[in-house]
Amino acid sequence: MIDSLRFFELYTAIGLHTKNGSSYDFFKYGGKTRVSSDKFMIRKDKYFFEKWAKKLDNEQEAIGFIVSNKLQGNNYIIKYTLNNYTAWKSYKDAVSYRFEQDFLANKGIDLAQKFFSGSLNGLEYIMLLDYATNGIVQKVYNQKYGSDNILWNNFKENILLTYSPFVVYYFDYDKSLKQKLFQIIQNNK
């Protein structure tokens, strides 16, 4: 179980990290903020922080819970559901295999094309593809659309750059994903 004050601090830190124009970096500061127990105690929604903190075993689960709900568009703790997190966890368990299979089937960068055309679901795919290729997705789409395309810039700023570090962290990807994709590329030349 995670302490409700620490859960509130993580919620605040992730909120700061994902806020447009914010320079706060969740990973640089380890999710630490200047929240105080006094500020927490006077919040009208503290019940929800206490409720969710009791249901989560550790900080990694809390981070996953918060991010999964934010990715669903729930920006306030009152709207958070366990279903969003549960679905995200089950997706996490299969995403590596599915990502690898889709990468093989779609020749990598085509995944991004399919995503933007609406025929591929899963923001995580684009985030992982960008991560695994050291930012090639961003480079390709920056060249293709430039700074004039509002949809691309909005996606890049609000989703790709903001949430990717959490997806990579939560899905526990390291160099193994990059090595696996490099092998797939080498084997399919």
Protein backbone atom coordinates (compact mmCIF):
# COMPACT_ATOMS: atom_id res chain seq x y z
CA MET A 1 0.00 0.00 0.00
CA ILE A 2 1.21 3.48 -0.83
CA ASP A 3 0.81 6.41 1.54
CA SER A 4 -2.03 8.74 0.46
CA LEU A 5 0.22 11.83 0.75
CA ARG A 6 2.82 10.21 -1.52
CA PHE A 7 0.06 9.22 -3.95
CA PHE A 8 -1.08 12.86 -3.99
CA GLU A 9 2.52 13.95 -4.57
CA LEU A 10 2.84 11.56 -7.54
CA TYR A 11 -0.48 12.79 -8.91
CA THR A 12 0.73 16.39 -8.60
CA ALA A 13 4.14 15.59 -10.12
CA ILE A 14 2.64 13.78 -13.11
CA GLY A 15 0.20 16.66 -13.54
CA LEU A 16 3.09 19.14 -13.57
CA HIS A 17 5.06 16.98 -16.00
CA THR A 18 2.15 16.73 -18.44
CA LYS A 19 1.04 20.37 -18.17
CA ASN A 20 1.61 22.40 -21.34
CA GLY A 21 4.49 24.79 -20.96
CA SER A 22 5.73 23.24 -17.72
CA SER A 23 9.45 22.71 -17.27
CA TYR A 24 8.96 20.15 -14.48
CA ASP A 25 10.52 16.77 -15.28
CA PHE A 26 9.02 13.91 -13.28
CA PHE A 27 12.02 11.65 -13.86
CA LYS A 28 14.64 14.27 -13.07
CA TYR A 29 13.05 15.03 -9.70
CA GLY A 30 11.91 11.50 -8.92
CA GLY A 31 8.28 12.55 -8.64
CA LYS A 32 9.07 14.86 -5.74
CA THR A 33 7.21 18.14 -5.35
CA ARG A 34 6.64 20.69 -2.63
CA VAL A 35 3.26 19.37 -1.55
CA SER A 36 2.63 19.48 2.16
CA SER A 37 0.41 17.44 4.40
CA ASP A 38 -1.37 20.68 5.38
CA LYS A 39 -2.34 21.38 1.75
CA PHE A 40 -3.38 17.78 1.29
CA MET A 41 -5.57 17.72 4.41
CA ILE A 42 -7.65 20.73 3.31
CA ARG A 43 -8.42 19.30 -0.16
CA LYS A 44 -12.07 18.46 -0.73
CA ASP A 45 -11.08 15.46 -2.86
CA LYS A 46 -8.61 13.89 -0.41
CA TYR A 47 -11.00 10.96 0.08
CA PHE A 48 -10.26 9.82 -3.50
CA PHE A 49 -6.50 9.93 -2.91
CA GLU A 50 -6.93 7.89 0.24
CA LYS A 51 -9.26 5.44 -1.52
CA TRP A 52 -6.90 4.78 -4.45
CA ALA A 53 -3.78 4.72 -2.29
CA LYS A 54 -5.27 1.81 -0.30
CA LYS A 55 -5.86 -0.18 -3.50
CA LEU A 56 -2.37 0.22 -4.97
CA ASP A 57 0.58 -1.79 -3.72
CA ASN A 58 3.51 0.45 -4.58
CA GLU A 59 4.70 3.60 -6.37
CA GLN A 60 5.07 1.92 -9.76
CA GLU A 61 1.42 0.83 -9.63
CA ALA A 62 0.41 4.33 -8.54
CA ILE A 63 2.30 5.87 -11.47
CA GLY A 64 0.72 3.40 -13.88
CA PHE A 65 -2.71 4.07 -12.42
CA ILE A 66 -2.36 7.85 -12.76
CA VAL A 67 -0.87 7.77 -16.26
CA SER A 68 -3.39 5.22 -17.57
CA ASN A 69 -6.25 7.43 -16.41
CA LYS A 70 -4.66 10.59 -17.80
CA LEU A 71 -4.20 8.89 -21.17
CA GLN A 72 -7.94 8.18 -21.15
CA GLY A 73 -8.58 11.90 -20.70
CA ASN A 74 -9.34 11.78 -16.99
CA ASN A 75 -7.48 14.78 -15.60
CA TYR A 76 -9.13 14.82 -12.18
CA ILE A 77 -8.84 12.19 -9.47
CA ILE A 78 -12.62 12.11 -9.08
CA LYS A 79 -12.97 10.64 -12.59
CA TYR A 80 -10.30 7.95 -12.16
CA THR A 81 -11.36 4.33 -12.53
CA LEU A 82 -9.71 1.04 -11.80
CA ASN A 83 -10.98 -0.25 -15.17
CA ASN A 84 -8.63 2.09 -17.08
CA TYR A 85 -5.67 0.82 -15.11
CA THR A 86 -6.69 -2.85 -15.34
CA ALA A 87 -7.13 -2.60 -19.10
CA TRP A 88 -3.78 -0.86 -19.41
CA LYS A 89 -2.07 -3.55 -17.31
CA SER A 90 -3.47 -6.37 -19.43
CA TYR A 91 -2.48 -4.45 -22.56
CA LYS A 92 1.01 -4.07 -21.10
CA ASP A 93 1.36 -7.81 -20.70
CA ALA A 94 0.81 -8.39 -24.41
CA VAL A 95 2.12 -5.17 -25.96
CA SER A 96 5.71 -6.30 -26.48
CA TYR A 97 4.67 -9.34 -28.48
CA ARG A 98 2.02 -7.45 -30.44
CA PHE A 99 4.37 -4.55 -31.08
CA GLU A 100 7.00 -6.93 -32.44
CA GLN A 101 4.45 -8.70 -34.65
CA ASP A 102 3.01 -5.43 -35.95
CA PHE A 103 6.48 -4.09 -36.57
CA LEU A 104 7.24 -7.17 -38.68
CA ALA A 105 3.93 -7.00 -40.52
CA ASN A 106 4.02 -3.27 -41.21
CA LYS A 107 7.73 -2.61 -41.81
CA GLY A 108 8.15 -0.33 -38.83
CA ILE A 109 7.50 3.25 -39.79
CA ASP A 110 4.25 2.22 -41.51
CA LEU A 111 2.90 1.74 -37.99
CA ALA A 112 3.00 5.49 -37.54
CA GLN A 113 1.27 6.00 -40.89
CA LYS A 114 -1.47 3.54 -39.90
CA PHE A 115 -1.89 5.29 -36.56
CA PHE A 116 -2.42 8.72 -38.10
CA SER A 117 -4.83 7.32 -40.68
CA GLY A 118 -6.90 5.89 -37.82
CA SER A 119 -6.45 2.23 -38.73
CA LEU A 120 -4.11 1.44 -35.84
CA ASN A 121 -5.14 1.83 -32.22
CA GLY A 122 -2.75 2.27 -29.35
CA LEU A 123 -0.77 5.36 -28.54
CA GLU A 124 1.78 3.09 -26.93
CA TYR A 125 2.73 1.67 -30.34
CA ILE A 126 3.79 5.06 -31.63
CA MET A 127 5.57 5.89 -28.39
CA LEU A 128 7.46 2.60 -28.40
CA LEU A 129 8.30 2.91 -32.08
CA ASP A 130 9.69 6.39 -31.52
CA TYR A 131 11.62 5.20 -28.45
CA ALA A 132 12.97 2.07 -30.15
CA THR A 133 14.12 4.01 -33.21
CA ASN A 134 15.69 6.87 -31.24
CA GLY A 135 13.14 9.43 -32.39
CA ILE A 136 12.80 8.50 -36.06
CA VAL A 137 9.00 8.85 -35.90
CA GLN A 138 9.40 12.45 -34.77
CA LYS A 139 12.02 13.19 -37.40
CA VAL A 140 9.97 11.70 -40.24
CA TYR A 141 6.77 13.49 -39.25
CA ASN A 142 8.57 16.76 -38.51
CA GLN A 143 9.94 16.68 -42.06
CA LYS A 144 6.64 15.57 -43.54
CA TYR A 145 4.38 18.03 -41.73
CA GLY A 146 6.73 20.70 -40.43
CA SER A 147 5.67 23.11 -37.75
CA ASP A 148 2.46 24.10 -39.56
CA ASN A 149 0.45 20.95 -38.90
CA ILE A 150 -1.63 21.54 -35.79
CA LEU A 151 -2.64 17.87 -35.34
CA TRP A 152 0.92 16.57 -35.54
CA ASN A 153 2.30 19.28 -33.26
CA ASN A 154 -0.48 18.72 -30.73
CA PHE A 155 0.10 14.96 -30.75
CA LYS A 156 3.87 15.39 -30.52
CA GLU A 157 3.78 17.88 -27.65
CA ASN A 158 0.86 16.53 -25.64
CA ILE A 159 1.23 12.80 -26.13
CA LEU A 160 4.51 11.69 -27.66
CA LEU A 161 6.93 13.86 -25.69
CA THR A 162 4.90 14.05 -22.49
CA TYR A 163 3.73 10.46 -21.97
CA SER A 164 6.44 8.44 -23.74
CA PRO A 165 8.82 8.44 -20.76
CA PHE A 166 6.04 7.02 -18.57
CA VAL A 167 5.14 4.34 -21.11
CA VAL A 168 8.79 3.29 -21.46
CA TYR A 169 9.20 3.34 -17.67
CA TYR A 170 5.97 1.55 -16.89
CA PHE A 171 6.32 -1.06 -19.62
CA ASP A 172 9.85 -1.58 -18.28
CA TYR A 173 11.55 -1.30 -21.66
CA ASP A 174 15.23 -0.92 -21.88
CA LYS A 175 17.81 -1.66 -24.56
CA SER A 176 16.26 -5.08 -25.19
CA LEU A 177 13.43 -3.55 -27.26
CA LYS A 178 15.88 -1.60 -29.40
CA GLN A 179 18.06 -4.69 -29.87
CA LYS A 180 15.05 -6.83 -30.78
CA LEU A 181 13.84 -4.33 -33.40
CA PHE A 182 17.34 -3.98 -34.81
CA GLN A 183 17.45 -7.78 -35.25
CA ILE A 184 14.02 -7.73 -36.94
CA ILE A 185 15.21 -5.03 -39.35
CA GLN A 186 18.43 -6.94 -40.09
CA ASN A 187 16.55 -10.20 -40.72
CA ASN A 188 14.01 -8.58 -43.04
CA LYS A 189 16.25 -6.64 -45.40
